[in-house]
């Protein structure tokens, strides 16, 4: 397993931006597929964005064109740039790291994002 620590959440007005960061405690970070998930009250945790070991990306339809996921393997970091935020983006955002062949699936503690006027 790998330890993940998120930061960058907070309160922002609709239309605003936030950048989430996730620091990983592994020396083989480049071998992990990384993702950001969110969970709103009363809802299941859902995938927001993912980035593979080859830097390929995928996004939930609801955030396409507004959110960008990126990774810096040298710094062992993954980021989520969130623009044009909407109230429905509110939730706890979790960083996730996977190595499918090894059965590794690690989660951070989460960071709260609240979009409200």
PDB file of N, CA and C in Angstrom:
ATOM      1  N   UNK A   1       0.832  -1.182   0.000  1.00  0.00           N
ATOM      2  CA  UNK A   1       0.000   0.000   0.000  1.00  0.00           C
ATOM      3  C   UNK A   1       0.874   1.242   0.000  1.00  0.00           C
ATOM      4  N   UNK A   2       0.280   2.363  -0.410  1.00  0.00           N
ATOM      5  CA  UNK A   2       0.989   3.626  -0.452  1.00  0.00           C
ATOM      6  C   UNK A   2       0.190   4.663   0.315  1.00  0.00           C
ATOM      7  N   UNK A   3       0.908   5.525   1.051  1.00  0.00           N
ATOM      8  CA  UNK A   3       0.240   6.591   1.780  1.00  0.00           C
ATOM      9  C   UNK A   3       0.026   7.771   0.850  1.00  0.00           C
ATOM     10  N   UNK A   4      -1.194   8.317   0.885  1.00  0.00           N
ATOM     11  CA  UNK A   4      -1.564   9.443   0.038  1.00  0.00           C
ATOM     12  C   UNK A   4      -2.074  10.575   0.923  1.00  0.00           C
ATOM     13  N   UNK A   5      -1.613  11.791   0.654  1.00  0.00           N
ATOM     14  CA  UNK A   5      -2.038  12.949   1.438  1.00  0.00           C
ATOM     15  C   UNK A   5      -2.519  14.031   0.492  1.00  0.00           C
ATOM     16  N   UNK A   6      -3.822  14.377   0.607  1.00  0.00           N
ATOM     17  CA  UNK A   6      -4.418  15.401  -0.236  1.00  0.00           C
ATOM     18  C   UNK A   6      -4.328  16.768   0.426  1.00  0.00           C
ATOM     19  N   UNK A   7      -4.345  17.796  -0.395  1.00  0.00           N
ATOM     20  CA  UNK A   7      -4.406  19.173   0.086  1.00  0.00           C
ATOM     21  C   UNK A   7      -5.039  20.030  -0.996  1.00  0.00           C
ATOM     22  N   UNK A   8      -5.449  21.242  -0.593  1.00  0.00           N
ATOM     23  CA  UNK A   8      -5.947  22.205  -1.570  1.00  0.00           C
ATOM     24  C   UNK A   8      -7.442  22.413  -1.585  1.00  0.00           C
ATOM     25  N   UNK A   9      -8.178  21.669  -0.775  1.00  0.00           N
ATOM     26  CA  UNK A   9      -9.613  21.876  -0.731  1.00  0.00           C
ATOM     27  C   UNK A   9      -9.979  23.175  -0.038  1.00  0.00           C
ATOM     28  N   UNK A  10     -11.268  23.504  -0.069  1.00  0.00           N
ATOM     29  CA  UNK A  10     -11.727  24.714   0.592  1.00  0.00           C
ATOM     30  C   UNK A  10     -13.079  25.152   0.103  1.00  0.00           C
ATOM     31  N   UNK A  11     -13.428  26.380   0.451  1.00  0.00           N
ATOM     32  CA  UNK A  11     -14.692  26.984   0.057  1.00  0.00           C
ATOM     33  C   UNK A  11     -14.437  27.937  -1.103  1.00  0.00           C
ATOM     34  N   UNK A  12     -15.220  27.797  -2.159  1.00  0.00           N
ATOM     35  CA  UNK A  12     -15.053  28.653  -3.334  1.00  0.00           C
ATOM     36  C   UNK A  12     -16.427  28.998  -3.882  1.00  0.00           C
ATOM     37  N   UNK A  13     -16.534  30.166  -4.488  1.00  0.00           N
ATOM     38  CA  UNK A  13     -17.795  30.578  -5.078  1.00  0.00           C
ATOM     39  C   UNK A  13     -18.012  29.893  -6.426  1.00  0.00           C
ATOM     40  N   UNK A  14     -19.253  29.745  -6.836  1.00  0.00           N
ATOM     41  CA  UNK A  14     -19.514  29.190  -8.174  1.00  0.00           C
ATOM     42  C   UNK A  14     -18.771  29.979  -9.238  1.00  0.00           C
ATOM     43  N   UNK A  15     -18.182  29.237 -10.179  1.00  0.00           N
ATOM     44  CA  UNK A  15     -17.381  29.859 -11.224  1.00  0.00           C
ATOM     45  C   UNK A  15     -15.907  29.975 -10.871  1.00  0.00           C
ATOM     46  N   UNK A  16     -15.584  29.708  -9.627  1.00  0.00           N
ATOM     47  CA  UNK A  16     -14.200  29.823  -9.181  1.00  0.00           C
ATOM     48  C   UNK A  16     -13.371  28.587  -9.502  1.00  0.00           C
ATOM     49  N   UNK A  17     -12.124  28.619  -9.026  1.00  0.00           N
ATOM     50  CA  UNK A  17     -11.180  27.540  -9.307  1.00  0.00           C
ATOM     51  C   UNK A  17     -10.500  27.082  -8.027  1.00  0.00           C
ATOM     52  N   UNK A  18     -10.095  25.823  -8.034  1.00  0.00           N
ATOM     53  CA  UNK A  18      -9.271  25.242  -6.974  1.00  0.00           C
ATOM     54  C   UNK A  18      -8.314  24.253  -7.609  1.00  0.00           C
ATOM     55  N   UNK A  19      -7.174  24.065  -6.951  1.00  0.00           N
ATOM     56  CA  UNK A  19      -6.227  23.043  -7.397  1.00  0.00           C
ATOM     57  C   UNK A  19      -5.956  22.107  -6.237  1.00  0.00           C
ATOM     58  N   UNK A  20      -6.304  20.847  -6.427  1.00  0.00           N
ATOM     59  CA  UNK A  20      -6.030  19.832  -5.429  1.00  0.00           C
ATOM     60  C   UNK A  20      -4.700  19.170  -5.721  1.00  0.00           C
ATOM     61  N   UNK A  21      -3.999  18.815  -4.648  1.00  0.00           N
ATOM     62  CA  UNK A  21      -2.725  18.124  -4.776  1.00  0.00           C
ATOM     63  C   UNK A  21      -2.755  16.851  -3.944  1.00  0.00           C
ATOM     64  N   UNK A  22      -2.013  15.863  -4.395  1.00  0.00           N
ATOM     65  CA  UNK A  22      -1.921  14.606  -3.672  1.00  0.00           C
ATOM     66  C   UNK A  22      -0.464  14.155  -3.703  1.00  0.00           C
ATOM     67  N   UNK A  23       0.105  13.970  -2.513  1.00  0.00           N
ATOM     68  CA  UNK A  23       1.487  13.516  -2.377  1.00  0.00           C
ATOM     69  C   UNK A  23       1.494  12.034  -2.023  1.00  0.00           C
ATOM     70  N   UNK A  24       2.328  11.283  -2.743  1.00  0.00           N
ATOM     71  CA  UNK A  24       2.407   9.836  -2.535  1.00  0.00           C
ATOM     72  C   UNK A  24       3.733   9.462  -1.890  1.00  0.00           C
ATOM     73  N   UNK A  25       3.688   8.460  -1.030  1.00  0.00           N
ATOM     74  CA  UNK A  25       4.880   8.054  -0.271  1.00  0.00           C
ATOM     75  C   UNK A  25       5.486   6.770  -0.830  1.00  0.00           C
ATOM     76  N   UNK A  26       5.705   6.734  -2.117  1.00  0.00           N
ATOM     77  CA  UNK A  26       6.295   5.551  -2.729  1.00  0.00           C
ATOM     78  C   UNK A  26       7.387   5.964  -3.700  1.00  0.00           C
ATOM     79  N   UNK A  27       8.418   5.127  -3.791  1.00  0.00           N
ATOM     80  CA  UNK A  27       9.504   5.418  -4.726  1.00  0.00           C
ATOM     81  C   UNK A  27       9.237   4.862  -6.118  1.00  0.00           C
ATOM     82  N   UNK A  28       8.100   4.182  -6.274  1.00  0.00           N
ATOM     83  CA  UNK A  28       7.738   3.654  -7.593  1.00  0.00           C
ATOM     84  C   UNK A  28       6.419   4.279  -8.040  1.00  0.00           C
ATOM     85  N   UNK A  29       6.296   5.582  -7.790  1.00  0.00           N
ATOM     86  CA  UNK A  29       5.065   6.314  -8.094  1.00  0.00           C
ATOM     87  C   UNK A  29       4.671   6.171  -9.551  1.00  0.00           C
ATOM     88  N   UNK A  30       5.662   6.136 -10.433  1.00  0.00           N
ATOM     89  CA  UNK A  30       5.374   6.088 -11.872  1.00  0.00           C
ATOM     90  C   UNK A  30       4.659   4.801 -12.274  1.00  0.00           C
ATOM     91  N   UNK A  31       4.666   3.790 -11.412  1.00  0.00           N
ATOM     92  CA  UNK A  31       4.029   2.516 -11.724  1.00  0.00           C
ATOM     93  C   UNK A  31       2.568   2.463 -11.288  1.00  0.00           C
ATOM     94  N   UNK A  32       2.100   3.539 -10.663  1.00  0.00           N
ATOM     95  CA  UNK A  32       0.730   3.580 -10.161  1.00  0.00           C
ATOM     96  C   UNK A  32      -0.181   4.348 -11.113  1.00  0.00           C
ATOM     97  N   UNK A  33      -1.365   3.792 -11.349  1.00  0.00           N
ATOM     98  CA  UNK A  33      -2.446   4.555 -11.954  1.00  0.00           C
ATOM     99  C   UNK A  33      -3.077   5.386 -10.846  1.00  0.00           C
ATOM    100  N   UNK A  34      -3.306   6.669 -11.123  1.00  0.00           N
ATOM    101  CA  UNK A  34      -3.794   7.588 -10.105  1.00  0.00           C
ATOM    102  C   UNK A  34      -5.171   8.126 -10.485  1.00  0.00           C
ATOM    103  N   UNK A  35      -5.928   8.481  -9.470  1.00  0.00           N
ATOM    104  CA  UNK A  35      -7.258   9.018  -9.753  1.00  0.00           C
ATOM    105  C   UNK A  35      -7.749   9.918  -8.643  1.00  0.00           C
ATOM    106  N   UNK A  36      -8.712  10.736  -8.996  1.00  0.00           N
ATOM    107  CA  UNK A  36      -9.446  11.561  -8.034  1.00  0.00           C
ATOM    108  C   UNK A  36     -10.902  11.105  -8.043  1.00  0.00           C
ATOM    109  N   UNK A  37     -11.429  10.867  -6.855  1.00  0.00           N
ATOM    110  CA  UNK A  37     -12.819  10.506  -6.666  1.00  0.00           C
ATOM    111  C   UNK A  37     -13.458  11.553  -5.762  1.00  0.00           C
ATOM    112  N   UNK A  38     -14.775  11.622  -5.814  1.00  0.00           N
ATOM    113  CA  UNK A  38     -15.470  12.516  -4.880  1.00  0.00           C
ATOM    114  C   UNK A  38     -16.713  11.818  -4.352  1.00  0.00           C
ATOM    115  N   UNK A  39     -17.092  12.266  -3.158  1.00  0.00           N
ATOM    116  CA  UNK A  39     -18.291  11.727  -2.522  1.00  0.00           C
ATOM    117  C   UNK A  39     -19.068  12.872  -1.915  1.00  0.00           C
ATOM    118  N   UNK A  40     -20.285  13.069  -2.416  1.00  0.00           N
ATOM    119  CA  UNK A  40     -21.186  14.066  -1.862  1.00  0.00           C
ATOM    120  C   UNK A  40     -22.056  13.406  -0.803  1.00  0.00           C
ATOM    121  N   UNK A  41     -22.581  14.173   0.139  1.00  0.00           N
ATOM    122  CA  UNK A  41     -23.415  13.594   1.179  1.00  0.00           C
ATOM    123  C   UNK A  41     -24.578  12.800   0.594  1.00  0.00           C
ATOM    124  N   UNK A  42     -24.727  11.562   1.072  1.00  0.00           N
ATOM    125  CA  UNK A  42     -25.818  10.720   0.599  1.00  0.00           C
ATOM    126  C   UNK A  42     -25.565  10.021  -0.711  1.00  0.00           C
ATOM    127  N   UNK A  43     -24.393  10.292  -1.305  1.00  0.00           N
ATOM    128  CA  UNK A  43     -24.081   9.687  -2.601  1.00  0.00           C
ATOM    129  C   UNK A  43     -22.924   8.711  -2.479  1.00  0.00           C
ATOM    130  N   UNK A  44     -22.813   7.848  -3.480  1.00  0.00           N
ATOM    131  CA  UNK A  44     -21.663   6.951  -3.538  1.00  0.00           C
ATOM    132  C   UNK A  44     -20.433   7.702  -4.033  1.00  0.00           C
ATOM    133  N   UNK A  45     -19.281   7.171  -3.696  1.00  0.00           N
ATOM    134  CA  UNK A  45     -18.031   7.732  -4.200  1.00  0.00           C
ATOM    135  C   UNK A  45     -17.964   7.484  -5.710  1.00  0.00           C
ATOM    136  N   UNK A  46     -17.588   8.521  -6.459  1.00  0.00           N
ATOM    137  CA  UNK A  46     -17.547   8.411  -7.915  1.00  0.00           C
ATOM    138  C   UNK A  46     -16.218   8.891  -8.459  1.00  0.00           C
ATOM    139  N   UNK A  47     -15.810   8.299  -9.574  1.00  0.00           N
ATOM    140  CA  UNK A  47     -14.583   8.713 -10.232  1.00  0.00           C
ATOM    141  C   UNK A  47     -14.787  10.076 -10.883  1.00  0.00           C
ATOM    142  N   UNK A  48     -13.873  10.988 -10.611  1.00  0.00           N
ATOM    143  CA  UNK A  48     -13.882  12.303 -11.243  1.00  0.00           C
ATOM    144  C   UNK A  48     -12.911  12.330 -12.425  1.00  0.00           C
ATOM    145  N   UNK A  49     -11.674  11.863 -12.173  1.00  0.00           N
ATOM    146  CA  UNK A  49     -10.652  11.874 -13.217  1.00  0.00           C
ATOM    147  C   UNK A  49      -9.589  10.840 -12.892  1.00  0.00           C
ATOM    148  N   UNK A  50      -9.024  10.249 -13.931  1.00  0.00           N
ATOM    149  CA  UNK A  50      -7.959   9.276 -13.749  1.00  0.00           C
ATOM    150  C   UNK A  50      -6.815   9.547 -14.699  1.00  0.00           C
ATOM    151  N   UNK A  51      -5.607   9.138 -14.285  1.00  0.00           N
ATOM    152  CA  UNK A  51      -4.439   9.278 -15.152  1.00  0.00           C
ATOM    153  C   UNK A  51      -3.607   8.014 -15.026  1.00  0.00           C
ATOM    154  N   UNK A  52      -3.292   7.430 -16.169  1.00  0.00           N
ATOM    155  CA  UNK A  52      -2.572   6.175 -16.171  1.00  0.00           C
ATOM    156  C   UNK A  52      -1.068   6.350 -16.058  1.00  0.00           C
ATOM    157  N   UNK A  53      -0.373   5.218 -16.026  1.00  0.00           N
ATOM    158  CA  UNK A  53       1.086   5.258 -15.965  1.00  0.00           C
ATOM    159  C   UNK A  53       1.678   5.837 -17.248  1.00  0.00           C
ATOM    160  N   UNK A  54       0.903   5.814 -18.323  1.00  0.00           N
ATOM    161  CA  UNK A  54       1.347   6.406 -19.595  1.00  0.00           C
ATOM    162  C   UNK A  54       0.825   7.823 -19.777  1.00  0.00           C
ATOM    163  N   UNK A  55       0.267   8.381 -18.710  1.00  0.00           N
ATOM    164  CA  UNK A  55      -0.270   9.746 -18.693  1.00  0.00           C
ATOM    165  C   UNK A  55      -1.570   9.898 -19.482  1.00  0.00           C
ATOM    166  N   UNK A  56      -2.158   8.805 -19.902  1.00  0.00           N
ATOM    167  CA  UNK A  56      -3.478   8.891 -20.512  1.00  0.00           C
ATOM    168  C   UNK A  56      -4.485   9.294 -19.449  1.00  0.00           C
ATOM    169  N   UNK A  57      -5.507  10.027 -19.848  1.00  0.00           N
ATOM    170  CA  UNK A  57      -6.464  10.555 -18.883  1.00  0.00           C
ATOM    171  C   UNK A  57      -7.896  10.185 -19.251  1.00  0.00           C
ATOM    172  N   UNK A  58      -8.738  10.162 -18.233  1.00  0.00           N
ATOM    173  CA  UNK A  58     -10.170   9.986 -18.456  1.00  0.00           C
ATOM    174  C   UNK A  58     -10.909  10.808 -17.412  1.00  0.00           C
ATOM    175  N   UNK A  59     -12.101  11.260 -17.799  1.00  0.00           N
ATOM    176  CA  UNK A  59     -12.872  12.164 -16.955  1.00  0.00           C
ATOM    177  C   UNK A  59     -14.335  11.749 -16.902  1.00  0.00           C
ATOM    178  N   UNK A  60     -14.967  12.043 -15.785  1.00  0.00           N
ATOM    179  CA  UNK A  60     -16.419  11.921 -15.714  1.00  0.00           C
ATOM    180  C   UNK A  60     -17.020  12.952 -16.669  1.00  0.00           C
ATOM    181  N   UNK A  61     -18.139  12.597 -17.277  1.00  0.00           N
ATOM    182  CA  UNK A  61     -18.767  13.517 -18.230  1.00  0.00           C
ATOM    183  C   UNK A  61     -19.077  14.862 -17.593  1.00  0.00           C
ATOM    184  N   UNK A  62     -19.413  14.850 -16.316  1.00  0.00           N
ATOM    185  CA  UNK A  62     -19.839  16.073 -15.638  1.00  0.00           C
ATOM    186  C   UNK A  62     -18.714  17.080 -15.451  1.00  0.00           C
ATOM    187  N   UNK A  63     -17.454  16.649 -15.607  1.00  0.00           N
ATOM    188  CA  UNK A  63     -16.333  17.573 -15.379  1.00  0.00           C
ATOM    189  C   UNK A  63     -15.493  17.808 -16.627  1.00  0.00           C
ATOM    190  N   UNK A  64     -15.812  17.125 -17.709  1.00  0.00           N
ATOM    191  CA  UNK A  64     -15.034  17.296 -18.944  1.00  0.00           C
ATOM    192  C   UNK A  64     -15.039  18.745 -19.382  1.00  0.00           C
ATOM    193  N   UNK A  65     -13.847  19.241 -19.736  1.00  0.00           N
ATOM    194  CA  UNK A  65     -13.711  20.619 -20.171  1.00  0.00           C
ATOM    195  C   UNK A  65     -13.522  21.609 -19.029  1.00  0.00           C
ATOM    196  N   UNK A  66     -13.727  21.146 -17.793  1.00  0.00           N
ATOM    197  CA  UNK A  66     -13.574  22.039 -16.638  1.00  0.00           C
ATOM    198  C   UNK A  66     -12.428  21.601 -15.716  1.00  0.00           C
ATOM    199  N   UNK A  67     -12.221  20.298 -15.604  1.00  0.00           N
ATOM    200  CA  UNK A  67     -11.190  19.760 -14.708  1.00  0.00           C
ATOM    201  C   UNK A  67     -10.042  19.174 -15.526  1.00  0.00           C
ATOM    202  N   UNK A  68      -8.838  19.257 -14.967  1.00  0.00           N
ATOM    203  CA  UNK A  68      -7.667  18.664 -15.606  1.00  0.00           C
ATOM    204  C   UNK A  68      -6.849  17.921 -14.564  1.00  0.00           C
ATOM    205  N   UNK A  69      -6.577  16.653 -14.828  1.00  0.00           N
ATOM    206  CA  UNK A  69      -5.719  15.861 -13.956  1.00  0.00           C
ATOM    207  C   UNK A  69      -4.329  15.811 -14.564  1.00  0.00           C
ATOM    208  N   UNK A  70      -3.312  15.862 -13.702  1.00  0.00           N
ATOM    209  CA  UNK A  70      -1.931  15.772 -14.170  1.00  0.00           C
ATOM    210  C   UNK A  70      -1.093  15.092 -13.103  1.00  0.00           C
ATOM    211  N   UNK A  71       0.081  14.648 -13.482  1.00  0.00           N
ATOM    212  CA  UNK A  71       0.974  13.997 -12.534  1.00  0.00           C
ATOM    213  C   UNK A  71       2.401  14.465 -12.781  1.00  0.00           C
ATOM    214  N   UNK A  72       3.183  14.456 -11.706  1.00  0.00           N
ATOM    215  CA  UNK A  72       4.612  14.758 -11.759  1.00  0.00           C
ATOM    216  C   UNK A  72       5.317  13.591 -11.094  1.00  0.00           C
ATOM    217  N   UNK A  73       5.849  12.686 -11.903  1.00  0.00           N
ATOM    218  CA  UNK A  73       6.438  11.469 -11.340  1.00  0.00           C
ATOM    219  C   UNK A  73       7.692  11.777 -10.513  1.00  0.00           C
ATOM    220  N   UNK A  74       8.437  12.787 -10.892  1.00  0.00           N
ATOM    221  CA  UNK A  74       9.649  13.130 -10.146  1.00  0.00           C
ATOM    222  C   UNK A  74       9.314  13.601  -8.728  1.00  0.00           C
ATOM    223  N   UNK A  75       8.204  14.318  -8.598  1.00  0.00           N
ATOM    224  CA  UNK A  75       7.789  14.826  -7.288  1.00  0.00           C
ATOM    225  C   UNK A  75       6.828  13.887  -6.572  1.00  0.00           C
ATOM    226  N   UNK A  76       6.413  12.825  -7.260  1.00  0.00           N
ATOM    227  CA  UNK A  76       5.457  11.865  -6.697  1.00  0.00           C
ATOM    228  C   UNK A  76       4.155  12.557  -6.307  1.00  0.00           C
ATOM    229  N   UNK A  77       3.653  13.366  -7.246  1.00  0.00           N
ATOM    230  CA  UNK A  77       2.461  14.166  -7.004  1.00  0.00           C
ATOM    231  C   UNK A  77       1.453  13.971  -8.128  1.00  0.00           C
ATOM    232  N   UNK A  78       0.174  14.066  -7.766  1.00  0.00           N
ATOM    233  CA  UNK A  78      -0.895  14.144  -8.760  1.00  0.00           C
ATOM    234  C   UNK A  78      -1.758  15.345  -8.404  1.00  0.00           C
ATOM    235  N   UNK A  79      -2.259  16.010  -9.431  1.00  0.00           N
ATOM    236  CA  UNK A  79      -2.996  17.253  -9.245  1.00  0.00           C
ATOM    237  C   UNK A  79      -4.360  17.168  -9.935  1.00  0.00           C
ATOM    238  N   UNK A  80      -5.278  17.971  -9.429  1.00  0.00           N
ATOM    239  CA  UNK A  80      -6.569  18.144 -10.089  1.00  0.00           C
ATOM    240  C   UNK A  80      -6.868  19.637 -10.134  1.00  0.00           C
ATOM    241  N   UNK A  81      -6.767  20.209 -11.320  1.00  0.00           N
ATOM    242  CA  UNK A  81      -7.127  21.615 -11.524  1.00  0.00           C
ATOM    243  C   UNK A  81      -8.615  21.670 -11.828  1.00  0.00           C
ATOM    244  N   UNK A  82      -9.346  22.401 -11.010  1.00  0.00           N
ATOM    245  CA  UNK A  82     -10.804  22.481 -11.147  1.00  0.00           C
ATOM    246  C   UNK A  82     -11.194  23.919 -11.459  1.00  0.00           C
ATOM    247  N   UNK A  83     -11.754  24.134 -12.630  1.00  0.00           N
ATOM    248  CA  UNK A  83     -12.201  25.458 -13.056  1.00  0.00           C
ATOM    249  C   UNK A  83     -13.713  25.473 -13.237  1.00  0.00           C
ATOM    250  N   UNK A  84     -14.266  26.671 -13.294  1.00  0.00           N
ATOM    251  CA  UNK A  84     -15.708  26.836 -13.506  1.00  0.00           C
ATOM    252  C   UNK A  84     -16.505  25.947 -12.558  1.00  0.00           C
ATOM    253  N   UNK A  85     -16.140  25.999 -11.302  1.00  0.00           N
ATOM    254  CA  UNK A  85     -16.768  25.119 -10.320  1.00  0.00           C
ATOM    255  C   UNK A  85     -18.248  25.419 -10.149  1.00  0.00           C
ATOM    256  N   UNK A  86     -18.990  24.342  -9.893  1.00  0.00           N
ATOM    257  CA  UNK A  86     -20.435  24.429  -9.719  1.00  0.00           C
ATOM    258  C   UNK A  86     -20.807  23.894  -8.334  1.00  0.00           C
ATOM    259  N   UNK A  87     -21.948  24.292  -7.799  1.00  0.00           N
ATOM    260  CA  UNK A  87     -22.358  23.761  -6.488  1.00  0.00           C
ATOM    261  C   UNK A  87     -22.398  22.235  -6.456  1.00  0.00           C
ATOM    262  N   UNK A  88     -22.725  21.615  -7.577  1.00  0.00           N
ATOM    263  CA  UNK A  88     -22.790  20.153  -7.608  1.00  0.00           C
ATOM    264  C   UNK A  88     -21.415  19.490  -7.581  1.00  0.00           C
ATOM    265  N   UNK A  89     -20.359  20.281  -7.635  1.00  0.00           N
ATOM    266  CA  UNK A  89     -19.006  19.734  -7.475  1.00  0.00           C
ATOM    267  C   UNK A  89     -18.634  19.577  -5.999  1.00  0.00           C
ATOM    268  N   UNK A  90     -19.498  20.040  -5.122  1.00  0.00           N
ATOM    269  CA  UNK A  90     -19.249  19.953  -3.691  1.00  0.00           C
ATOM    270  C   UNK A  90     -19.144  18.498  -3.244  1.00  0.00           C
ATOM    271  N   UNK A  91     -18.164  18.233  -2.383  1.00  0.00           N
ATOM    272  CA  UNK A  91     -17.989  16.903  -1.833  1.00  0.00           C
ATOM    273  C   UNK A  91     -16.605  16.731  -1.242  1.00  0.00           C
ATOM    274  N   UNK A  92     -16.358  15.550  -0.725  1.00  0.00           N
ATOM    275  CA  UNK A  92     -15.027  15.191  -0.258  1.00  0.00           C
ATOM    276  C   UNK A  92     -14.300  14.538  -1.426  1.00  0.00           C
ATOM    277  N   UNK A  93     -13.135  15.050  -1.731  1.00  0.00           N
ATOM    278  CA  UNK A  93     -12.336  14.558  -2.849  1.00  0.00           C
ATOM    279  C   UNK A  93     -11.216  13.670  -2.311  1.00  0.00           C
ATOM    280  N   UNK A  94     -11.128  12.478  -2.879  1.00  0.00           N
ATOM    281  CA  UNK A  94     -10.154  11.480  -2.442  1.00  0.00           C
ATOM    282  C   UNK A  94      -9.165  11.176  -3.555  1.00  0.00           C
ATOM    283  N   UNK A  95      -7.931  11.072  -3.175  1.00  0.00           N
ATOM    284  CA  UNK A  95      -6.885  10.621  -4.078  1.00  0.00           C
ATOM    285  C   UNK A  95      -6.789   9.099  -4.003  1.00  0.00           C
ATOM    286  N   UNK A  96      -6.559   8.465  -5.145  1.00  0.00           N
ATOM    287  CA  UNK A  96      -6.494   7.009  -5.218  1.00  0.00           C
ATOM    288  C   UNK A  96      -5.291   6.570  -6.035  1.00  0.00           C
ATOM    289  N   UNK A  97      -4.669   5.489  -5.585  1.00  0.00           N
ATOM    290  CA  UNK A  97      -3.526   4.917  -6.296  1.00  0.00           C
ATOM    291  C   UNK A  97      -3.758   3.426  -6.491  1.00  0.00           C
ATOM    292  N   UNK A  98      -3.547   2.963  -7.706  1.00  0.00           N
ATOM    293  CA  UNK A  98      -3.777   1.554  -8.015  1.00  0.00           C
ATOM    294  C   UNK A  98      -2.589   0.944  -8.755  1.00  0.00           C
ATOM    295  N   UNK A  99      -2.319  -0.311  -8.402  1.00  0.00           N
ATOM    296  CA  UNK A  99      -1.476  -1.183  -9.223  1.00  0.00           C
ATOM    297  C   UNK A  99      -2.282  -2.451  -9.397  1.00  0.00           C
ATOM    298  N   UNK A 100      -2.890  -2.580 -10.537  1.00  0.00           N
ATOM    299  CA  UNK A 100      -3.892  -3.618 -10.744  1.00  0.00           C
ATOM    300  C   UNK A 100      -3.304  -5.013 -10.588  1.00  0.00           C
ATOM    301  N   UNK A 101      -2.166  -5.266 -11.179  1.00  0.00           N
ATOM    302  CA  UNK A 101      -1.592  -6.610 -11.160  1.00  0.00           C
ATOM    303  C   UNK A 101      -1.226  -7.048  -9.745  1.00  0.00           C
ATOM    304  N   UNK A 102      -0.868  -6.076  -8.888  1.00  0.00           N
ATOM    305  CA  UNK A 102      -0.471  -6.384  -7.521  1.00  0.00           C
ATOM    306  C   UNK A 102      -1.649  -6.303  -6.555  1.00  0.00           C
ATOM    307  N   UNK A 103      -2.817  -5.930  -7.049  1.00  0.00           N
ATOM    308  CA  UNK A 103      -3.980  -5.833  -6.187  1.00  0.00           C
ATOM    309  C   UNK A 103      -3.908  -4.706  -5.183  1.00  0.00           C
ATOM    310  N   UNK A 104      -3.180  -3.629  -5.533  1.00  0.00           N
ATOM    311  CA  UNK A 104      -3.027  -2.487  -4.631  1.00  0.00           C
ATOM    312  C   UNK A 104      -4.055  -1.422  -4.984  1.00  0.00           C
ATOM    313  N   UNK A 105      -4.751  -0.951  -3.971  1.00  0.00           N
ATOM    314  CA  UNK A 105      -5.784   0.076  -4.145  1.00  0.00           C
ATOM    315  C   UNK A 105      -5.778   0.934  -2.887  1.00  0.00           C
ATOM    316  N   UNK A 106      -5.085   2.066  -2.931  1.00  0.00           N
ATOM    317  CA  UNK A 106      -4.889   2.909  -1.749  1.00  0.00           C
ATOM    318  C   UNK A 106      -5.660   4.211  -1.858  1.00  0.00           C
ATOM    319  N   UNK A 107      -6.096   4.708  -0.680  1.00  0.00           N
ATOM    320  CA  UNK A 107      -6.886   5.942  -0.619  1.00  0.00           C
ATOM    321  C   UNK A 107      -6.250   6.938   0.330  1.00  0.00           C
ATOM    322  N   UNK A 108      -6.399   8.214  -0.006  1.00  0.00           N
ATOM    323  CA  UNK A 108      -6.056   9.260   0.918  1.00  0.00           C
ATOM    324  C   UNK A 108      -7.194   9.500   1.894  1.00  0.00           C
ATOM    325  N   UNK A 109      -6.988  10.482   2.776  1.00  0.00           N
ATOM    326  CA  UNK A 109      -7.980  10.759   3.818  1.00  0.00           C
ATOM    327  C   UNK A 109      -9.099  11.666   3.321  1.00  0.00           C
ATOM    328  N   UNK A 110      -8.894  12.298   2.176  1.00  0.00           N
ATOM    329  CA  UNK A 110      -9.910  13.162   1.593  1.00  0.00           C
ATOM    330  C   UNK A 110      -9.730  14.621   1.954  1.00  0.00           C
ATOM    331  N   UNK A 111     -10.191  15.484   1.062  1.00  0.00           N
ATOM    332  CA  UNK A 111     -10.179  16.922   1.307  1.00  0.00           C
ATOM    333  C   UNK A 111     -11.531  17.493   0.861  1.00  0.00           C
ATOM    334  N   UNK A 112     -12.087  18.361   1.686  1.00  0.00           N
ATOM    335  CA  UNK A 112     -13.425  18.888   1.431  1.00  0.00           C
ATOM    336  C   UNK A 112     -13.372  20.033   0.419  1.00  0.00           C
ATOM    337  N   UNK A 113     -14.248  19.952  -0.566  1.00  0.00           N
ATOM    338  CA  UNK A 113     -14.454  21.038  -1.518  1.00  0.00           C
ATOM    339  C   UNK A 113     -15.909  21.473  -1.412  1.00  0.00           C
ATOM    340  N   UNK A 114     -16.115  22.761  -1.147  1.00  0.00           N
ATOM    341  CA  UNK A 114     -17.463  23.302  -1.048  1.00  0.00           C
ATOM    342  C   UNK A 114     -17.589  24.467  -2.018  1.00  0.00           C
ATOM    343  N   UNK A 115     -18.567  24.349  -2.910  1.00  0.00           N
ATOM    344  CA  UNK A 115     -18.819  25.405  -3.895  1.00  0.00           C
ATOM    345  C   UNK A 115     -20.152  26.052  -3.529  1.00  0.00           C
ATOM    346  N   UNK A 116     -20.069  27.267  -3.058  1.00  0.00           N
ATOM    347  CA  UNK A 116     -21.270  27.935  -2.580  1.00  0.00           C
ATOM    348  C   UNK A 116     -21.054  29.437  -2.575  1.00  0.00           C
ATOM    349  N   UNK A 117     -22.138  30.151  -2.807  1.00  0.00           N
ATOM    350  CA  UNK A 117     -22.072  31.608  -2.728  1.00  0.00           C
ATOM    351  C   UNK A 117     -22.459  32.093  -1.334  1.00  0.00           C
TER     352      UNK A 117
END
